[in-house]
């Protein structure tokens, strides 16, 4: 990533972090909601790559839109992602004690508070979008519909259902894995890209390119996660490595081997990069895509 685009990414992340903090201001300890607000903020401030909100801002900017108007959609999608991580870590799901180098929400607080914090972060995004008067009402309705679909049973939640079912299966093949990743990881990445385009008023050609780009990026992103679960370090990943094997999960590494998984991630990334040619100002997105393939956390 060149120096200009690196500074742009750092600036966008700082902006996102700052605004996320404002969304969950804690109340006096005597207020009964204080604990759940603290848990929401704890999880939102856990860091991470902020890829989804970055993609919202980047596609809006690349399609000639006013990036200020993309802020609320960017925050909304990061809240949905964060809620999903809180619930994924629960004992009934992945039962993970750590997330991004810190205690997971249910370990830092308790299970009930973690469930409620996740629930709150699942609905707050729709309040943000519905009350964002910088956008026309028609655009707000479209954004809400797109995000709800991507986060629901036809998207991210559906992917988690498949993931849980796969834990007890011995016949998971590549098609099944692609389907699961397309829902669990890919749905939010896809809607991040299309929401940015929608805010910018992008044409159908740009929207199609963004959708097809996101399909490749989402799968490549998850394959890199599979690889890092084998080759990464706990210090960089912020969690123990080998969790997929511990949960008996089929991954691209178990199906294709380490080198095969790397080759598939590279192939998908190259396809994604070619699709960006239909996006007007795509150099930042090109650099970001390449950085995601070569990341070590």
Protein backbone atom coordinates (compact mmCIF):
# COMPACT_ATOMS: atom_id res chain seq x y z
CA UNK A 1 0.00 0.00 0.00
CA UNK A 2 1.48 3.36 -1.01
CA UNK A 3 2.00 6.11 1.54
CA UNK A 4 -1.02 8.17 0.48
CA UNK A 5 -3.43 5.25 0.70
CA UNK A 6 -1.91 4.08 3.97
CA UNK A 7 -2.54 7.51 5.49
CA UNK A 8 -6.09 7.45 4.12
CA UNK A 9 -6.74 4.06 5.70
CA UNK A 10 -5.30 5.14 9.05
CA UNK A 11 -7.38 8.32 8.97
CA UNK A 12 -10.56 6.38 8.16
CA UNK A 13 -9.91 3.88 10.97
CA UNK A 14 -9.32 6.69 13.48
CA UNK A 15 -12.58 8.30 12.37
CA UNK A 16 -14.48 5.04 12.71
CA UNK A 17 -13.00 4.33 16.15
CA UNK A 18 -13.82 7.82 17.40
CA UNK A 19 -17.41 7.71 16.21
CA UNK A 20 -17.99 4.20 17.57
CA UNK A 21 -17.00 5.45 21.02
CA UNK A 22 -19.66 8.16 20.81
CA UNK A 23 -22.40 5.66 19.99
CA UNK A 24 -22.26 3.86 23.34
CA UNK A 25 -21.53 6.54 25.90
CA UNK A 26 -21.67 5.02 29.34
CA UNK A 27 -24.18 6.34 31.85
CA UNK A 28 -23.74 6.87 35.61
CA UNK A 29 -23.22 3.59 37.46
CA UNK A 30 -26.55 4.06 39.20
CA UNK A 31 -28.30 3.80 35.83
CA UNK A 32 -29.53 0.21 35.29
CA UNK A 33 -28.40 0.25 31.64
CA UNK A 34 -24.81 1.19 32.52
CA UNK A 35 -23.54 -2.39 32.56
CA UNK A 36 -24.85 -3.36 29.15
CA UNK A 37 -23.60 -0.09 27.63
CA UNK A 38 -20.18 -0.79 29.11
CA UNK A 39 -20.22 -4.29 27.60
CA UNK A 40 -21.23 -2.89 24.21
CA UNK A 41 -18.44 -0.34 24.32
CA UNK A 42 -15.93 -2.94 25.57
CA UNK A 43 -16.64 -5.08 22.53
CA UNK A 44 -16.70 -2.21 20.04
CA UNK A 45 -13.36 -0.94 21.36
CA UNK A 46 -11.68 -4.34 21.07
CA UNK A 47 -10.05 -3.18 17.85
CA UNK A 48 -9.88 -5.40 14.81
CA UNK A 49 -9.18 -4.56 11.19
CA UNK A 50 -12.41 -2.55 10.65
CA UNK A 51 -12.55 -4.00 7.13
CA UNK A 52 -16.31 -3.73 6.74
CA UNK A 53 -16.66 -0.03 7.61
CA UNK A 54 -13.52 0.70 5.60
CA UNK A 55 -15.16 -0.90 2.57
CA UNK A 56 -18.31 1.21 3.02
CA UNK A 57 -16.26 4.41 3.06
CA UNK A 58 -13.93 3.26 0.28
CA UNK A 59 -16.68 2.31 -2.18
CA UNK A 60 -18.58 5.52 -1.48
CA UNK A 61 -15.43 7.55 -2.14
CA UNK A 62 -14.45 5.50 -5.20
CA UNK A 63 -17.89 5.98 -6.76
CA UNK A 64 -17.77 9.74 -6.29
CA UNK A 65 -20.01 10.03 -3.22
CA UNK A 66 -19.87 12.24 -0.14
CA UNK A 67 -18.03 10.06 2.36
CA UNK A 68 -19.53 11.96 5.30
CA UNK A 69 -22.89 10.46 4.34
CA UNK A 70 -21.37 6.96 4.47
CA UNK A 71 -20.35 7.25 8.13
CA UNK A 72 -23.57 5.98 9.72
CA UNK A 73 -23.79 2.98 7.35
CA UNK A 74 -20.14 2.22 8.13
CA UNK A 75 -20.78 2.32 11.88
CA UNK A 76 -23.94 0.25 11.47
CA UNK A 77 -22.19 -2.62 9.75
CA UNK A 78 -19.38 -2.69 12.31
CA UNK A 79 -21.96 -2.93 15.10
CA UNK A 80 -23.64 -5.87 13.39
CA UNK A 81 -20.25 -7.56 12.98
CA UNK A 82 -19.38 -6.92 16.65
CA UNK A 83 -22.68 -8.33 17.89
CA UNK A 84 -22.03 -11.48 15.87
CA UNK A 85 -18.60 -11.90 17.48
CA UNK A 86 -20.05 -11.51 20.99
CA UNK A 87 -22.58 -14.25 20.29
CA UNK A 88 -20.06 -16.47 18.44
CA UNK A 89 -17.83 -16.52 21.52
CA UNK A 90 -20.60 -17.72 23.85
CA UNK A 91 -20.39 -21.24 25.36
CA UNK A 92 -23.38 -22.35 23.27
CA UNK A 93 -21.50 -21.43 20.08
CA UNK A 94 -17.69 -21.44 19.76
CA UNK A 95 -17.01 -21.16 23.52
CA UNK A 96 -13.99 -18.87 23.10
CA UNK A 97 -12.53 -17.13 26.14
CA UNK A 98 -10.50 -14.57 24.19
CA UNK A 99 -11.19 -12.18 21.36
CA UNK A 100 -8.54 -9.88 19.87
CA UNK A 101 -6.16 -10.41 22.77
CA UNK A 102 -8.72 -9.65 25.49
CA UNK A 103 -11.29 -11.60 27.41
CA UNK A 104 -14.39 -12.20 25.31
CA UNK A 105 -17.46 -10.26 26.39
CA UNK A 106 -19.08 -13.08 28.38
CA UNK A 107 -15.82 -13.64 30.27
CA UNK A 108 -15.22 -9.95 30.97
CA UNK A 109 -18.82 -9.51 32.16
CA UNK A 110 -21.17 -12.51 32.26
CA UNK A 111 -23.19 -14.55 29.79
CA UNK A 112 -26.47 -12.70 30.29
CA UNK A 113 -24.83 -9.30 29.85
CA UNK A 114 -22.99 -10.52 26.74
CA UNK A 115 -26.22 -11.78 25.18
CA UNK A 116 -27.96 -8.48 25.89
CA UNK A 117 -25.00 -6.44 24.63
CA UNK A 118 -25.09 -8.43 21.40
CA UNK A 119 -28.83 -7.96 21.12
CA UNK A 120 -28.44 -4.20 21.60
CA UNK A 121 -25.71 -4.00 18.96
CA UNK A 122 -28.00 -5.90 16.60
CA UNK A 123 -30.74 -3.25 16.76
CA UNK A 124 -28.79 -0.01 17.27
CA UNK A 125 -27.58 -0.02 13.62
CA UNK A 126 -31.15 0.22 12.35
CA UNK A 127 -31.84 3.16 14.64
CA UNK A 128 -28.72 4.87 13.25
CA UNK A 129 -29.76 4.30 9.65
CA UNK A 130 -33.42 5.19 10.06
CA UNK A 131 -32.64 8.52 11.76
CA UNK A 132 -29.79 9.60 9.45
CA UNK A 133 -31.29 12.70 7.86
CA UNK A 134 -28.22 13.30 5.68
CA UNK A 135 -29.62 10.60 3.38
CA UNK A 136 -32.92 10.57 1.47
CA UNK A 137 -35.65 8.43 3.02
CA UNK A 138 -35.65 6.09 0.01
CA UNK A 139 -31.91 5.46 0.42
CA UNK A 140 -32.31 4.83 4.15
CA UNK A 141 -35.04 2.25 3.54
CA UNK A 142 -32.88 0.50 0.94
CA UNK A 143 -29.85 0.45 3.26
CA UNK A 144 -31.92 -0.99 6.11
CA UNK A 145 -33.36 -3.70 3.86
CA UNK A 146 -29.94 -4.63 2.48
CA UNK A 147 -28.29 -4.80 5.89
CA UNK A 148 -31.15 -6.76 7.47
CA UNK A 149 -31.02 -9.33 4.67
CA UNK A 150 -27.24 -9.70 4.90
CA UNK A 151 -27.32 -10.10 8.69
CA UNK A 152 -30.29 -12.46 8.88
CA UNK A 153 -31.11 -16.09 8.21
CA UNK A 154 -30.42 -15.66 4.47
CA UNK A 155 -27.00 -14.19 5.25
CA UNK A 156 -24.66 -14.15 8.24
CA UNK A 157 -26.91 -16.04 10.67
CA UNK A 158 -27.58 -18.66 8.04
CA UNK A 159 -23.84 -19.11 7.68
CA UNK A 160 -23.46 -19.65 11.41
CA UNK A 161 -26.19 -22.29 11.29
CA UNK A 162 -24.29 -24.12 8.54
CA UNK A 163 -21.04 -23.76 10.50
CA UNK A 164 -22.55 -25.35 13.61
CA UNK A 165 -24.11 -28.17 11.57
CA UNK A 166 -20.78 -28.86 9.87
CA UNK A 167 -19.08 -29.56 13.21
CA UNK A 168 -20.81 -32.94 13.41
CA UNK A 169 -20.41 -33.82 9.72
CA UNK A 170 -17.61 -35.83 8.18
CA UNK A 171 -18.62 -35.23 4.57
CA UNK A 172 -18.10 -31.45 4.27
CA UNK A 173 -16.78 -30.69 0.80
CA UNK A 174 -15.55 -27.53 -0.90
CA UNK A 175 -18.98 -26.54 -2.22
CA UNK A 176 -20.47 -26.78 1.26
CA UNK A 177 -17.61 -24.75 2.70
CA UNK A 178 -17.94 -22.05 0.02
CA UNK A 179 -21.67 -21.83 0.75
CA UNK A 180 -21.04 -21.45 4.49
CA UNK A 181 -18.35 -18.79 4.03
CA UNK A 182 -20.48 -16.90 1.48
CA UNK A 183 -23.14 -16.52 4.15
CA UNK A 184 -21.21 -16.26 7.43
CA UNK A 185 -18.40 -13.96 6.25
CA UNK A 186 -19.26 -12.94 2.72
CA UNK A 187 -22.73 -11.51 3.32
CA UNK A 188 -21.54 -8.60 5.47
CA UNK A 189 -18.55 -7.93 3.21
CA UNK A 190 -20.88 -7.84 0.22
CA UNK A 191 -23.33 -5.46 1.85
CA UNK A 192 -20.47 -3.22 3.04
CA UNK A 193 -19.41 -2.73 -0.58
CA UNK A 194 -22.92 -2.24 -1.94
CA UNK A 195 -23.96 0.14 0.86
CA UNK A 196 -21.03 2.39 -0.01
CA UNK A 197 -22.15 2.36 -3.65
CA UNK A 198 -25.76 3.08 -2.70
CA UNK A 199 -24.82 6.11 -0.61
CA UNK A 200 -22.80 7.41 -3.57
CA UNK A 201 -25.65 6.87 -6.02
CA UNK A 202 -23.57 4.47 -8.09
CA UNK A 203 -24.93 3.11 -11.35
CA UNK A 204 -25.89 -0.53 -11.99
CA UNK A 205 -22.52 -1.36 -13.56
CA UNK A 206 -20.68 -0.20 -10.44
CA UNK A 207 -23.08 -2.05 -8.14
CA UNK A 208 -22.65 -5.26 -10.11
CA UNK A 209 -18.87 -4.92 -10.02
CA UNK A 210 -18.94 -4.22 -6.28
CA UNK A 211 -21.15 -7.25 -5.63
CA UNK A 212 -19.00 -9.63 -7.67
CA UNK A 213 -15.82 -8.16 -6.18
CA UNK A 214 -17.18 -8.69 -2.67
CA UNK A 215 -18.08 -12.31 -3.37
CA UNK A 216 -14.45 -13.05 -4.24
CA UNK A 217 -13.00 -10.89 -1.48
CA UNK A 218 -15.23 -12.43 1.19
CA UNK A 219 -14.17 -15.95 0.30
CA UNK A 220 -10.49 -15.02 -0.02
CA UNK A 221 -10.66 -13.23 3.33
CA UNK A 222 -12.01 -16.33 5.07
CA UNK A 223 -9.48 -18.62 3.40
CA UNK A 224 -6.69 -16.38 4.71
CA UNK A 225 -8.27 -16.72 8.17
CA UNK A 226 -8.13 -20.51 7.73
CA UNK A 227 -4.46 -20.26 6.81
CA UNK A 228 -3.62 -17.99 9.75
CA UNK A 229 -5.28 -20.41 12.16
CA UNK A 230 -2.46 -22.78 11.19
CA UNK A 231 0.46 -20.43 10.48
CA UNK A 232 -0.28 -17.40 12.67
CA UNK A 233 0.83 -16.54 16.18
CA UNK A 234 -1.36 -15.92 19.24
CA UNK A 235 0.31 -12.54 19.73
CA UNK A 236 -0.72 -11.25 16.30
CA UNK A 237 -4.09 -12.99 16.09
CA UNK A 238 -5.11 -12.07 19.63
CA UNK A 239 -6.39 -15.60 20.28
CA UNK A 240 -4.97 -19.13 20.45
CA UNK A 241 -4.11 -20.70 17.11
CA UNK A 242 -5.52 -24.06 16.13
CA UNK A 243 -9.08 -23.28 17.22
CA UNK A 244 -10.49 -24.72 13.98
CA UNK A 245 -8.81 -28.06 14.62
CA UNK A 246 -9.89 -27.98 18.27
CA UNK A 247 -13.51 -27.59 17.14
CA UNK A 248 -13.06 -30.27 14.43
CA UNK A 249 -13.92 -27.78 11.70
CA UNK A 250 -13.35 -28.45 8.03
CA UNK A 251 -11.47 -25.55 6.42
CA UNK A 252 -9.81 -24.82 3.11
CA UNK A 253 -6.52 -25.91 4.67
CA UNK A 254 -7.92 -29.32 5.64
CA UNK A 255 -9.50 -29.74 2.19
CA UNK A 256 -6.77 -28.35 -0.08
CA UNK A 257 -3.68 -28.35 2.11
CA UNK A 258 -1.79 -25.23 3.11
CA UNK A 259 -0.34 -24.47 -0.33
CA UNK A 260 -3.62 -25.25 -2.07
CA UNK A 261 -5.47 -22.86 0.24
CA UNK A 262 -2.90 -20.13 -0.45
CA UNK A 263 -3.27 -20.65 -4.20
CA UNK A 264 -7.07 -20.43 -3.98
CA UNK A 265 -6.90 -17.21 -1.94
CA UNK A 266 -4.53 -15.72 -4.52
CA UNK A 267 -6.77 -16.75 -7.42
CA UNK A 268 -9.84 -15.19 -5.85
CA UNK A 269 -7.95 -12.01 -5.02
CA UNK A 270 -6.79 -11.65 -8.62
CA UNK A 271 -10.37 -12.02 -9.82
CA UNK A 272 -11.52 -9.41 -7.30
CA UNK A 273 -8.85 -6.98 -8.46
CA UNK A 274 -9.93 -7.31 -12.10
CA UNK A 275 -13.52 -6.49 -11.14
CA UNK A 276 -12.40 -3.21 -9.58
CA UNK A 277 -11.65 -1.89 -13.07
CA UNK A 278 -15.34 -0.94 -13.34
CA UNK A 279 -15.05 1.26 -10.22
CA UNK A 280 -13.90 4.81 -11.12
CA UNK A 281 -11.31 5.61 -8.41
CA UNK A 282 -10.23 2.17 -7.34
CA UNK A 283 -6.55 2.47 -6.40
CA UNK A 284 -7.22 2.57 -2.65
CA UNK A 285 -9.45 -0.50 -2.98
CA UNK A 286 -6.75 -2.25 -5.01
CA UNK A 287 -4.15 -1.61 -2.32
CA UNK A 288 -6.54 -2.65 0.46
CA UNK A 289 -7.42 -5.89 -1.34
CA UNK A 290 -3.76 -6.82 -1.77
CA UNK A 291 -3.06 -5.99 1.88
CA UNK A 292 -5.86 -8.31 3.01
CA UNK A 293 -4.36 -11.21 1.07
CA UNK A 294 -0.91 -10.63 2.57
CA UNK A 295 -1.97 -9.91 6.16
CA UNK A 296 -0.57 -11.80 9.15
CA UNK A 297 -3.46 -11.21 11.56
